[in-house]
Amino acid sequence: MKTLILALLLIVTAVPAFASVTYTKENLTTLYSKGKLPKVGPAVTIDDTAMDFSECRNQGNETYTSSIGNYPAKIIIDSGVLYTLKLWKENALIVFNCSRTDGKRTMTQADYQ
């Protein structure tokens, strides 16, 4: 019983160290408009899928359009070979990439610090 209580105590005290920072839509919009974006941790790949560049770019543009008015989003690169979109969601920065050269879509997530 003492071992169980000690283990639970260690877990409860460790959780805040691993909990990510979250922002409301309003907080993110204000920060974005002032150019003061949240600090992020290391990016983790959450999707790496073979995909036609045009289809990937269309998905990125649809995602961008649906984010307007909800969360900050910015198309960083839109060339004939590379497309990069950044989305600031409530708990992380999502980066959506399309590469014609690689023929794939890659998405990464970096939690706020």
PDB file of N, CA and C in Angstrom:
ATOM      1  N   MET A   1       0.830  -1.194   0.000  1.00  0.00           N
ATOM      2  CA  MET A   1       0.000   0.000   0.000  1.00  0.00           C
ATOM      3  C   MET A   1       0.872   1.255   0.000  1.00  0.00           C
ATOM      4  N   LYS A   2       1.927   1.278   0.823  1.00  0.00           N
ATOM      5  CA  LYS A   2       2.815   2.431   0.863  1.00  0.00           C
ATOM      6  C   LYS A   2       3.490   2.633  -0.489  1.00  0.00           C
ATOM      7  N   THR A   3       3.824   1.543  -1.150  1.00  0.00           N
ATOM      8  CA  THR A   3       4.470   1.627  -2.467  1.00  0.00           C
ATOM      9  C   THR A   3       3.516   2.249  -3.477  1.00  0.00           C
ATOM     10  N   LEU A   4       2.243   1.856  -3.437  1.00  0.00           N
ATOM     11  CA  LEU A   4       1.242   2.397  -4.340  1.00  0.00           C
ATOM     12  C   LEU A   4       1.051   3.889  -4.097  1.00  0.00           C
ATOM     13  N   ILE A   5       0.951   4.304  -2.860  1.00  0.00           N
ATOM     14  CA  ILE A   5       0.774   5.714  -2.520  1.00  0.00           C
ATOM     15  C   ILE A   5       1.989   6.526  -2.966  1.00  0.00           C
ATOM     16  N   LEU A   6       3.177   5.980  -2.755  1.00  0.00           N
ATOM     17  CA  LEU A   6       4.393   6.664  -3.177  1.00  0.00           C
ATOM     18  C   LEU A   6       4.437   6.803  -4.692  1.00  0.00           C
ATOM     19  N   ALA A   7       4.070   5.759  -5.417  1.00  0.00           N
ATOM     20  CA  ALA A   7       4.052   5.806  -6.878  1.00  0.00           C
ATOM     21  C   ALA A   7       3.051   6.841  -7.375  1.00  0.00           C
ATOM     22  N   LEU A   8       1.857   6.883  -6.793  1.00  0.00           N
ATOM     23  CA  LEU A   8       0.851   7.867  -7.184  1.00  0.00           C
ATOM     24  C   LEU A   8       1.313   9.289  -6.893  1.00  0.00           C
ATOM     25  N   LEU A   9       1.956   9.474  -5.755  1.00  0.00           N
ATOM     26  CA  LEU A   9       2.466  10.787  -5.386  1.00  0.00           C
ATOM     27  C   LEU A   9       3.517  11.254  -6.390  1.00  0.00           C
ATOM     28  N   LEU A  10       4.398  10.349  -6.801  1.00  0.00           N
ATOM     29  CA  LEU A  10       5.424  10.695  -7.783  1.00  0.00           C
ATOM     30  C   LEU A  10       4.796  11.055  -9.134  1.00  0.00           C
ATOM     31  N   ILE A  11       3.778  10.332  -9.529  1.00  0.00           N
ATOM     32  CA  ILE A  11       3.112  10.610 -10.798  1.00  0.00           C
ATOM     33  C   ILE A  11       2.417  11.963 -10.749  1.00  0.00           C
ATOM     34  N   VAL A  12       1.702  12.248  -9.695  1.00  0.00           N
ATOM     35  CA  VAL A  12       0.968  13.508  -9.563  1.00  0.00           C
ATOM     36  C   VAL A  12       1.927  14.694  -9.541  1.00  0.00           C
ATOM     37  N   THR A  13       3.040  14.586  -8.874  1.00  0.00           N
ATOM     38  CA  THR A  13       3.981  15.708  -8.826  1.00  0.00           C
ATOM     39  C   THR A  13       4.752  15.859 -10.124  1.00  0.00           C
ATOM     40  N   ALA A  14       4.872  14.799 -10.904  1.00  0.00           N
ATOM     41  CA  ALA A  14       5.605  14.872 -12.167  1.00  0.00           C
ATOM     42  C   ALA A  14       4.738  15.391 -13.308  1.00  0.00           C
ATOM     43  N   VAL A  15       3.444  15.262 -13.242  1.00  0.00           N
ATOM     44  CA  VAL A  15       2.555  15.654 -14.343  1.00  0.00           C
ATOM     45  C   VAL A  15       2.713  17.114 -14.739  1.00  0.00           C
ATOM     46  N   PRO A  16       2.766  18.080 -13.827  1.00  0.00           N
ATOM     47  CA  PRO A  16       2.909  19.463 -14.264  1.00  0.00           C
ATOM     48  C   PRO A  16       4.162  19.710 -15.101  1.00  0.00           C
ATOM     49  N   ALA A  17       5.230  18.965 -14.857  1.00  0.00           N
ATOM     50  CA  ALA A  17       6.456  19.151 -15.618  1.00  0.00           C
ATOM     51  C   ALA A  17       6.276  18.728 -17.072  1.00  0.00           C
ATOM     52  N   PHE A  18       5.369  17.814 -17.341  1.00  0.00           N
ATOM     53  CA  PHE A  18       5.164  17.317 -18.691  1.00  0.00           C
ATOM     54  C   PHE A  18       3.928  17.918 -19.366  1.00  0.00           C
ATOM     55  N   ALA A  19       3.123  18.641 -18.623  1.00  0.00           N
ATOM     56  CA  ALA A  19       1.910  19.223 -19.199  1.00  0.00           C
ATOM     57  C   ALA A  19       2.301  20.349 -20.144  1.00  0.00           C
ATOM     58  N   SER A  20       1.652  20.387 -21.302  1.00  0.00           N
ATOM     59  CA  SER A  20       1.976  21.444 -22.255  1.00  0.00           C
ATOM     60  C   SER A  20       1.170  22.697 -21.941  1.00  0.00           C
ATOM     61  N   VAL A  21       1.658  23.808 -22.424  1.00  0.00           N
ATOM     62  CA  VAL A  21       0.995  25.089 -22.257  1.00  0.00           C
ATOM     63  C   VAL A  21      -0.116  25.180 -23.296  1.00  0.00           C
ATOM     64  N   THR A  22      -1.250  25.738 -22.910  1.00  0.00           N
ATOM     65  CA  THR A  22      -2.351  25.933 -23.860  1.00  0.00           C
ATOM     66  C   THR A  22      -2.739  27.410 -23.906  1.00  0.00           C
ATOM     67  N   TYR A  23      -3.302  27.801 -25.035  1.00  0.00           N
ATOM     68  CA  TYR A  23      -3.763  29.164 -25.248  1.00  0.00           C
ATOM     69  C   TYR A  23      -5.184  29.121 -25.790  1.00  0.00           C
ATOM     70  N   THR A  24      -5.944  30.145 -25.488  1.00  0.00           N
ATOM     71  CA  THR A  24      -7.265  30.261 -26.096  1.00  0.00           C
ATOM     72  C   THR A  24      -7.094  30.836 -27.503  1.00  0.00           C
ATOM     73  N   LYS A  25      -8.138  30.722 -28.296  1.00  0.00           N
ATOM     74  CA  LYS A  25      -8.137  31.298 -29.644  1.00  0.00           C
ATOM     75  C   LYS A  25      -7.842  32.796 -29.572  1.00  0.00           C
ATOM     76  N   GLU A  26      -8.427  33.457 -28.604  1.00  0.00           N
ATOM     77  CA  GLU A  26      -8.256  34.899 -28.458  1.00  0.00           C
ATOM     78  C   GLU A  26      -6.810  35.245 -28.092  1.00  0.00           C
ATOM     79  N   ASN A  27      -6.217  34.461 -27.156  1.00  0.00           N
ATOM     80  CA  ASN A  27      -4.819  34.689 -26.774  1.00  0.00           C
ATOM     81  C   ASN A  27      -3.896  34.552 -27.979  1.00  0.00           C
ATOM     82  N   LEU A  28      -4.088  33.477 -28.742  1.00  0.00           N
ATOM     83  CA  LEU A  28      -3.237  33.230 -29.908  1.00  0.00           C
ATOM     84  C   LEU A  28      -3.394  34.326 -30.952  1.00  0.00           C
ATOM     85  N   THR A  29      -4.618  34.763 -31.184  1.00  0.00           N
ATOM     86  CA  THR A  29      -4.865  35.809 -32.174  1.00  0.00           C
ATOM     87  C   THR A  29      -4.175  37.105 -31.761  1.00  0.00           C
ATOM     88  N   THR A  30      -4.251  37.446 -30.483  1.00  0.00           N
ATOM     89  CA  THR A  30      -3.598  38.647 -29.977  1.00  0.00           C
ATOM     90  C   THR A  30      -2.081  38.536 -30.107  1.00  0.00           C
ATOM     91  N   LEU A  31      -1.525  37.401 -29.664  1.00  0.00           N
ATOM     92  CA  LEU A  31      -0.079  37.196 -29.771  1.00  0.00           C
ATOM     93  C   LEU A  31       0.377  37.268 -31.227  1.00  0.00           C
ATOM     94  N   TYR A  32      -0.357  36.623 -32.110  1.00  0.00           N
ATOM     95  CA  TYR A  32      -0.019  36.590 -33.533  1.00  0.00           C
ATOM     96  C   TYR A  32      -0.038  37.997 -34.131  1.00  0.00           C
ATOM     97  N   SER A  33      -1.070  38.768 -33.792  1.00  0.00           N
ATOM     98  CA  SER A  33      -1.191  40.117 -34.345  1.00  0.00           C
ATOM     99  C   SER A  33      -0.073  41.041 -33.851  1.00  0.00           C
ATOM    100  N   LYS A  34       0.476  40.737 -32.680  1.00  0.00           N
ATOM    101  CA  LYS A  34       1.577  41.533 -32.130  1.00  0.00           C
ATOM    102  C   LYS A  34       2.945  40.983 -32.534  1.00  0.00           C
ATOM    103  N   GLY A  35       2.954  39.859 -33.244  1.00  0.00           N
ATOM    104  CA  GLY A  35       4.220  39.249 -33.656  1.00  0.00           C
ATOM    105  C   GLY A  35       4.959  38.569 -32.520  1.00  0.00           C
ATOM    106  N   LYS A  36       4.252  38.261 -31.448  1.00  0.00           N
ATOM    107  CA  LYS A  36       4.855  37.608 -30.276  1.00  0.00           C
ATOM    108  C   LYS A  36       4.302  36.194 -30.159  1.00  0.00           C
ATOM    109  N   LEU A  37       4.832  35.301 -30.983  1.00  0.00           N
ATOM    110  CA  LEU A  37       4.320  33.935 -31.025  1.00  0.00           C
ATOM    111  C   LEU A  37       4.819  33.110 -29.845  1.00  0.00           C
ATOM    112  N   PRO A  38       4.035  32.125 -29.408  1.00  0.00           N
ATOM    113  CA  PRO A  38       4.446  31.287 -28.286  1.00  0.00           C
ATOM    114  C   PRO A  38       5.737  30.526 -28.590  1.00  0.00           C
ATOM    115  N   LYS A  39       6.523  30.322 -27.549  1.00  0.00           N
ATOM    116  CA  LYS A  39       7.732  29.500 -27.686  1.00  0.00           C
ATOM    117  C   LYS A  39       7.305  28.047 -27.822  1.00  0.00           C
ATOM    118  N   VAL A  40       8.019  27.319 -28.659  1.00  0.00           N
ATOM    119  CA  VAL A  40       7.679  25.918 -28.889  1.00  0.00           C
ATOM    120  C   VAL A  40       8.865  25.015 -28.558  1.00  0.00           C
ATOM    121  N   GLY A  41       8.539  23.772 -28.239  1.00  0.00           N
ATOM    122  CA  GLY A  41       9.552  22.761 -27.996  1.00  0.00           C
ATOM    123  C   GLY A  41       9.947  22.092 -29.301  1.00  0.00           C
ATOM    124  N   PRO A  42      10.639  20.972 -29.199  1.00  0.00           N
ATOM    125  CA  PRO A  42      11.056  20.254 -30.404  1.00  0.00           C
ATOM    126  C   PRO A  42       9.854  19.733 -31.190  1.00  0.00           C
ATOM    127  N   ALA A  43       9.985  19.750 -32.510  1.00  0.00           N
ATOM    128  CA  ALA A  43       8.916  19.266 -33.382  1.00  0.00           C
ATOM    129  C   ALA A  43       8.972  17.743 -33.487  1.00  0.00           C
ATOM    130  N   VAL A  44       7.786  17.142 -33.510  1.00  0.00           N
ATOM    131  CA  VAL A  44       7.643  15.693 -33.654  1.00  0.00           C
ATOM    132  C   VAL A  44       6.812  15.441 -34.911  1.00  0.00           C
ATOM    133  N   THR A  45       7.273  14.529 -35.757  1.00  0.00           N
ATOM    134  CA  THR A  45       6.523  14.202 -36.969  1.00  0.00           C
ATOM    135  C   THR A  45       5.269  13.423 -36.595  1.00  0.00           C
ATOM    136  N   ILE A  46       4.102  13.936 -37.020  1.00  0.00           N
ATOM    137  CA  ILE A  46       2.829  13.264 -36.722  1.00  0.00           C
ATOM    138  C   ILE A  46       2.204  12.661 -37.969  1.00  0.00           C
ATOM    139  N   ASP A  47       2.760  13.000 -39.154  1.00  0.00           N
ATOM    140  CA  ASP A  47       2.266  12.417 -40.397  1.00  0.00           C
ATOM    141  C   ASP A  47       3.357  12.507 -41.452  1.00  0.00           C
ATOM    142  N   ASP A  48       3.526  11.449 -42.200  1.00  0.00           N
ATOM    143  CA  ASP A  48       4.506  11.388 -43.285  1.00  0.00           C
ATOM    144  C   ASP A  48       3.923  10.455 -44.337  1.00  0.00           C
ATOM    145  N   THR A  49       3.188  11.031 -45.304  1.00  0.00           N
ATOM    146  CA  THR A  49       2.398  10.248 -46.242  1.00  0.00           C
ATOM    147  C   THR A  49       2.781  10.575 -47.685  1.00  0.00           C
ATOM    148  N   ALA A  50       2.952   9.543 -48.494  1.00  0.00           N
ATOM    149  CA  ALA A  50       3.176   9.749 -49.928  1.00  0.00           C
ATOM    150  C   ALA A  50       1.931  10.389 -50.512  1.00  0.00           C
ATOM    151  N   MET A  51       2.124  11.489 -51.274  1.00  0.00           N
ATOM    152  CA  MET A  51       0.969  12.202 -51.809  1.00  0.00           C
ATOM    153  C   MET A  51       1.398  13.072 -52.987  1.00  0.00           C
ATOM    154  N   ASP A  52       0.536  13.181 -53.968  1.00  0.00           N
ATOM    155  CA  ASP A  52       0.740  14.071 -55.095  1.00  0.00           C
ATOM    156  C   ASP A  52       0.818  15.512 -54.592  1.00  0.00           C
ATOM    157  N   PHE A  53       1.743  16.289 -55.140  1.00  0.00           N
ATOM    158  CA  PHE A  53       1.956  17.655 -54.672  1.00  0.00           C
ATOM    159  C   PHE A  53       0.692  18.516 -54.794  1.00  0.00           C
ATOM    160  N   SER A  54       0.005  18.434 -55.926  1.00  0.00           N
ATOM    161  CA  SER A  54      -1.200  19.263 -56.125  1.00  0.00           C
ATOM    162  C   SER A  54      -2.290  18.921 -55.117  1.00  0.00           C
ATOM    163  N   GLU A  55      -2.484  17.634 -54.873  1.00  0.00           N
ATOM    164  CA  GLU A  55      -3.485  17.212 -53.887  1.00  0.00           C
ATOM    165  C   GLU A  55      -3.104  17.691 -52.491  1.00  0.00           C
ATOM    166  N   CYS A  56      -1.836  17.569 -52.160  1.00  0.00           N
ATOM    167  CA  CYS A  56      -1.346  18.010 -50.853  1.00  0.00           C
ATOM    168  C   CYS A  56      -1.532  19.517 -50.688  1.00  0.00           C
ATOM    169  N   ARG A  57      -1.151  20.270 -51.721  1.00  0.00           N
ATOM    170  CA  ARG A  57      -1.288  21.727 -51.679  1.00  0.00           C
ATOM    171  C   ARG A  57      -2.746  22.123 -51.526  1.00  0.00           C
ATOM    172  N   ASN A  58      -3.647  21.440 -52.233  1.00  0.00           N
ATOM    173  CA  ASN A  58      -5.081  21.723 -52.098  1.00  0.00           C
ATOM    174  C   ASN A  58      -5.560  21.465 -50.679  1.00  0.00           C
ATOM    175  N   GLN A  59      -5.098  20.367 -50.062  1.00  0.00           N
ATOM    176  CA  GLN A  59      -5.467  20.083 -48.666  1.00  0.00           C
ATOM    177  C   GLN A  59      -4.948  21.177 -47.742  1.00  0.00           C
ATOM    178  N   GLY A  60      -3.724  21.625 -47.993  1.00  0.00           N
ATOM    179  CA  GLY A  60      -3.161  22.712 -47.191  1.00  0.00           C
ATOM    180  C   GLY A  60      -3.972  23.986 -47.316  1.00  0.00           C
ATOM    181  N   ASN A  61      -4.351  24.334 -48.539  1.00  0.00           N
ATOM    182  CA  ASN A  61      -5.159  25.545 -48.746  1.00  0.00           C
ATOM    183  C   ASN A  61      -6.538  25.432 -48.108  1.00  0.00           C
ATOM    184  N   GLU A  62      -7.144  24.247 -48.163  1.00  0.00           N
ATOM    185  CA  GLU A  62      -8.439  24.029 -47.500  1.00  0.00           C
ATOM    186  C   GLU A  62      -8.301  24.173 -45.987  1.00  0.00           C
ATOM    187  N   THR A  63      -7.223  23.615 -45.455  1.00  0.00           N
ATOM    188  CA  THR A  63      -6.965  23.725 -44.014  1.00  0.00           C
ATOM    189  C   THR A  63      -6.761  25.183 -43.625  1.00  0.00           C
ATOM    190  N   TYR A  64      -5.995  25.893 -44.436  1.00  0.00           N
ATOM    191  CA  TYR A  64      -5.749  27.319 -44.194  1.00  0.00           C
ATOM    192  C   TYR A  64      -7.064  28.101 -44.187  1.00  0.00           C
ATOM    193  N   THR A  65      -7.872  27.884 -45.207  1.00  0.00           N
ATOM    194  CA  THR A  65      -9.148  28.586 -45.330  1.00  0.00           C
ATOM    195  C   THR A  65     -10.067  28.298 -44.146  1.00  0.00           C
ATOM    196  N   SER A  66     -10.112  27.042 -43.710  1.00  0.00           N
ATOM    197  CA  SER A  66     -10.988  26.698 -42.588  1.00  0.00           C
ATOM    198  C   SER A  66     -10.454  27.216 -41.251  1.00  0.00           C
ATOM    199  N   SER A  67      -9.167  27.529 -41.183  1.00  0.00           N
ATOM    200  CA  SER A  67      -8.585  28.044 -39.936  1.00  0.00           C
ATOM    201  C   SER A  67      -8.805  29.535 -39.768  1.00  0.00           C
ATOM    202  N   ILE A  68      -8.973  30.249 -40.871  1.00  0.00           N
ATOM    203  CA  ILE A  68      -9.144  31.701 -40.798  1.00  0.00           C
ATOM    204  C   ILE A  68     -10.356  32.019 -39.918  1.00  0.00           C
ATOM    205  N   GLY A  69     -10.121  32.886 -38.943  1.00  0.00           N
ATOM    206  CA  GLY A  69     -11.185  33.263 -38.017  1.00  0.00           C
ATOM    207  C   GLY A  69     -11.272  32.344 -36.814  1.00  0.00           C
ATOM    208  N   ASN A  70     -10.587  31.200 -36.877  1.00  0.00           N
ATOM    209  CA  ASN A  70     -10.575  30.286 -35.732  1.00  0.00           C
ATOM    210  C   ASN A  70      -9.238  30.341 -34.996  1.00  0.00           C
ATOM    211  N   TYR A  71      -8.171  30.093 -35.718  1.00  0.00           N
ATOM    212  CA  TYR A  71      -6.825  30.131 -35.146  1.00  0.00           C
ATOM    213  C   TYR A  71      -5.890  30.761 -36.153  1.00  0.00           C
ATOM    214  N   PRO A  72      -4.812  31.384 -35.689  1.00  0.00           N
ATOM    215  CA  PRO A  72      -3.854  31.963 -36.628  1.00  0.00           C
ATOM    216  C   PRO A  72      -3.259  30.893 -37.545  1.00  0.00           C
ATOM    217  N   ALA A  73      -3.092  31.259 -38.801  1.00  0.00           N
ATOM    218  CA  ALA A  73      -2.495  30.367 -39.794  1.00  0.00           C
ATOM    219  C   ALA A  73      -1.762  31.230 -40.812  1.00  0.00           C
ATOM    220  N   LYS A  74      -0.661  30.705 -41.339  1.00  0.00           N
ATOM    221  CA  LYS A  74       0.102  31.463 -42.318  1.00  0.00           C
ATOM    222  C   LYS A  74       0.746  30.518 -43.317  1.00  0.00           C
ATOM    223  N   ILE A  75       0.559  30.811 -44.597  1.00  0.00           N
ATOM    224  CA  ILE A  75       1.263  30.068 -45.643  1.00  0.00           C
ATOM    225  C   ILE A  75       2.656  30.680 -45.732  1.00  0.00           C
ATOM    226  N   ILE A  76       3.663  29.886 -45.413  1.00  0.00           N
ATOM    227  CA  ILE A  76       5.048  30.362 -45.363  1.00  0.00           C
ATOM    228  C   ILE A  76       5.697  30.288 -46.744  1.00  0.00           C
ATOM    229  N   ILE A  77       5.501  29.180 -47.444  1.00  0.00           N
ATOM    230  CA  ILE A  77       6.057  28.970 -48.782  1.00  0.00           C
ATOM    231  C   ILE A  77       4.966  28.382 -49.670  1.00  0.00           C
ATOM    232  N   ASP A  78       4.853  28.917 -50.877  1.00  0.00           N
ATOM    233  CA  ASP A  78       3.915  28.365 -51.850  1.00  0.00           C
ATOM    234  C   ASP A  78       4.559  28.496 -53.230  1.00  0.00           C
ATOM    235  N   SER A  79       5.433  27.547 -53.533  1.00  0.00           N
ATOM    236  CA  SER A  79       6.115  27.539 -54.829  1.00  0.00           C
ATOM    237  C   SER A  79       5.669  26.293 -55.598  1.00  0.00           C
ATOM    238  N   GLY A  80       6.239  26.085 -56.733  1.00  0.00           N
ATOM    239  CA  GLY A  80       5.875  24.918 -57.524  1.00  0.00           C
ATOM    240  C   GLY A  80       6.452  23.613 -57.007  1.00  0.00           C
ATOM    241  N   VAL A  81       7.347  23.706 -56.030  1.00  0.00           N
ATOM    242  CA  VAL A  81       7.982  22.480 -55.511  1.00  0.00           C
ATOM    243  C   VAL A  81       7.825  22.297 -54.003  1.00  0.00           C
ATOM    244  N   LEU A  82       7.451  23.354 -53.302  1.00  0.00           N
ATOM    245  CA  LEU A  82       7.330  23.268 -51.843  1.00  0.00           C
ATOM    246  C   LEU A  82       6.162  24.133 -51.367  1.00  0.00           C
ATOM    247  N   TYR A  83       5.430  23.602 -50.398  1.00  0.00           N
ATOM    248  CA  TYR A  83       4.316  24.318 -49.778  1.00  0.00           C
ATOM    249  C   TYR A  83       4.438  24.104 -48.280  1.00  0.00           C
ATOM    250  N   THR A  84       4.440  25.195 -47.518  1.00  0.00           N
ATOM    251  CA  THR A  84       4.527  25.097 -46.053  1.00  0.00           C
ATOM    252  C   THR A  84       3.487  26.009 -45.421  1.00  0.00           C
ATOM    253  N   LEU A  85       2.707  25.436 -44.529  1.00  0.00           N
ATOM    254  CA  LEU A  85       1.656  26.142 -43.801  1.00  0.00           C
ATOM    255  C   LEU A  85       1.897  25.954 -42.313  1.00  0.00           C
ATOM    256  N   LYS A  86       1.803  27.046 -41.552  1.00  0.00           N
ATOM    257  CA  LYS A  86       1.904  26.970 -40.098  1.00  0.00           C
ATOM    258  C   LYS A  86       0.541  27.274 -39.498  1.00  0.00           C
ATOM    259  N   LEU A  87       0.140  26.444 -38.532  1.00  0.00           N
ATOM    260  CA  LEU A  87      -1.128  26.613 -37.826  1.00  0.00           C
ATOM    261  C   LEU A  87      -0.851  26.662 -36.328  1.00  0.00           C
ATOM    262  N   TRP A  88      -1.279  27.727 -35.680  1.00  0.00           N
ATOM    263  CA  TRP A  88      -1.115  27.845 -34.241  1.00  0.00           C
ATOM    264  C   TRP A  88      -2.413  27.392 -33.588  1.00  0.00           C
ATOM    265  N   LYS A  89      -2.428  26.196 -33.041  1.00  0.00           N
ATOM    266  CA  LYS A  89      -3.608  25.641 -32.377  1.00  0.00           C
ATOM    267  C   LYS A  89      -3.500  25.886 -30.873  1.00  0.00           C
ATOM    268  N   GLU A  90      -4.503  25.457 -30.110  1.00  0.00           N
ATOM    269  CA  GLU A  90      -4.544  25.778 -28.679  1.00  0.00           C
ATOM    270  C   GLU A  90      -3.364  25.232 -27.871  1.00  0.00           C
ATOM    271  N   ASN A  91      -2.761  24.119 -28.301  1.00  0.00           N
ATOM    272  CA  ASN A  91      -1.686  23.540 -27.492  1.00  0.00           C
ATOM    273  C   ASN A  91      -0.391  23.301 -28.261  1.00  0.00           C
ATOM    274  N   ALA A  92      -0.352  23.635 -29.560  1.00  0.00           N
ATOM    275  CA  ALA A  92       0.852  23.344 -30.331  1.00  0.00           C
ATOM    276  C   ALA A  92       0.861  24.078 -31.662  1.00  0.00           C
ATOM    277  N   LEU A  93       2.065  24.215 -32.197  1.00  0.00           N
ATOM    278  CA  LEU A  93       2.260  24.706 -33.555  1.00  0.00           C
ATOM    279  C   LEU A  93       2.296  23.492 -34.478  1.00  0.00           C
ATOM    280  N   ILE A  94       1.451  23.515 -35.499  1.00  0.00           N
ATOM    281  CA  ILE A  94       1.414  22.446 -36.494  1.00  0.00           C
ATOM    282  C   ILE A  94       2.016  23.006 -37.780  1.00  0.00           C
ATOM    283  N   VAL A  95       2.967  22.285 -38.346  1.00  0.00           N
ATOM    284  CA  VAL A  95       3.556  22.684 -39.625  1.00  0.00           C
ATOM    285  C   VAL A  95       3.198  21.619 -40.652  1.00  0.00           C
ATOM    286  N   PHE A  96       2.567  22.058 -41.735  1.00  0.00           N
ATOM    287  CA  PHE A  96       2.056  21.213 -42.808  1.00  0.00           C
ATOM    288  C   PHE A  96       2.937  21.466 -44.023  1.00  0.00           C
ATOM    289  N   ASN A  97       3.662  20.432 -44.490  1.00  0.00           N
ATOM    290  CA  ASN A  97       4.571  20.565 -45.621  1.00  0.00           C
ATOM    291  C   ASN A  97       4.181  19.651 -46.759  1.00  0.00           C
ATOM    292  N   CYS A  98       4.327  20.158 -47.987  1.00  0.00           N
ATOM    293  CA  CYS A  98       4.167  19.355 -49.198  1.00  0.00           C
ATOM    294  C   CYS A  98       5.446  19.513 -50.004  1.00  0.00           C
ATOM    295  N   SER A  99       5.952  18.395 -50.512  1.00  0.00           N
ATOM    296  CA  SER A  99       7.159  18.430 -51.325  1.00  0.00           C
ATOM    297  C   SER A  99       6.909  17.709 -52.644  1.00  0.00           C
ATOM    298  N   ARG A 100       7.062  18.436 -53.748  1.00  0.00           N
ATOM    299  CA  ARG A 100       6.938  17.817 -55.061  1.00  0.00           C
ATOM    300  C   ARG A 100       8.111  16.859 -55.280  1.00  0.00           C
ATOM    301  N   THR A 101       9.297  17.257 -54.848  1.00  0.00           N
ATOM    302  CA  THR A 101      10.496  16.441 -55.029  1.00  0.00           C
ATOM    303  C   THR A 101      10.371  15.102 -54.319  1.00  0.00           C
ATOM    304  N   ASP A 102       9.896  15.129 -53.065  1.00  0.00           N
ATOM    305  CA  ASP A 102       9.754  13.901 -52.283  1.00  0.00           C
ATOM    306  C   ASP A 102       8.437  13.186 -52.551  1.00  0.00           C
ATOM    307  N   GLY A 103       7.458  13.900 -53.124  1.00  0.00           N
ATOM    308  CA  GLY A 103       6.147  13.319 -53.382  1.00  0.00           C
ATOM    309  C   GLY A 103       5.422  12.921 -52.116  1.00  0.00           C
ATOM    310  N   LYS A 104       5.480  13.820 -51.109  1.00  0.00           N
ATOM    311  CA  LYS A 104       4.816  13.473 -49.851  1.00  0.00           C
ATOM    312  C   LYS A 104       4.351  14.698 -49.079  1.00  0.00           C
ATOM    313  N   ARG A 105       3.479  14.397 -48.121  1.00  0.00           N
ATOM    314  CA  ARG A 105       2.991  15.378 -47.146  1.00  0.00           C
ATOM    315  C   ARG A 105       3.612  15.014 -45.806  1.00  0.00           C
ATOM    316  N   THR A 106       4.120  16.022 -45.133  1.00  0.00           N
ATOM    317  CA  THR A 106       4.678  15.811 -43.795  1.00  0.00           C
ATOM    318  C   THR A 106       4.065  16.840 -42.851  1.00  0.00           C
ATOM    319  N   MET A 107       3.655  16.367 -41.670  1.00  0.00           N
ATOM    320  CA  MET A 107       3.132  17.273 -40.661  1.00  0.00           C
ATOM    321  C   MET A 107       3.919  17.065 -39.379  1.00  0.00           C
ATOM    322  N   THR A 108       4.274  18.187 -38.746  1.00  0.00           N
ATOM    323  CA  THR A 108       4.966  18.118 -37.458  1.00  0.00           C
ATOM    324  C   THR A 108       4.161  18.895 -36.428  1.00  0.00           C
ATOM    325  N   GLN A 109       4.381  18.542 -35.171  1.00  0.00           N
ATOM    326  CA  GLN A 109       3.733  19.231 -34.053  1.00  0.00           C
ATOM    327  C   GLN A 109       4.798  19.592 -33.042  1.00  0.00           C
ATOM    328  N   ALA A 110       4.785  20.846 -32.601  1.00  0.00           N
ATOM    329  CA  ALA A 110       5.700  21.313 -31.558  1.00  0.00           C
ATOM    330  C   ALA A 110       4.847  21.922 -30.449  1.00  0.00           C
ATOM    331  N   ASP A 111       4.843  21.282 -29.295  1.00  0.00           N
ATOM    332  CA  ASP A 111       4.053  21.771 -28.166  1.00  0.00           C
ATOM    333  C   ASP A 111       4.613  23.101 -27.659  1.00  0.00           C
ATOM    334  N   TYR A 112       3.724  23.941 -27.134  1.00  0.00           N
ATOM    335  CA  TYR A 112       4.135  25.214 -26.552  1.00  0.00           C
ATOM    336  C   TYR A 112       4.856  24.968 -25.233  1.00  0.00           C
ATOM    337  N   GLN A 113       5.784  25.847 -24.950  1.00  0.00           N
ATOM    338  CA  GLN A 113       6.535  25.746 -23.683  1.00  0.00           C
ATOM    339  C   GLN A 113       6.116  26.842 -22.738  1.00  0.00           C
TER     340      GLN A 113
END
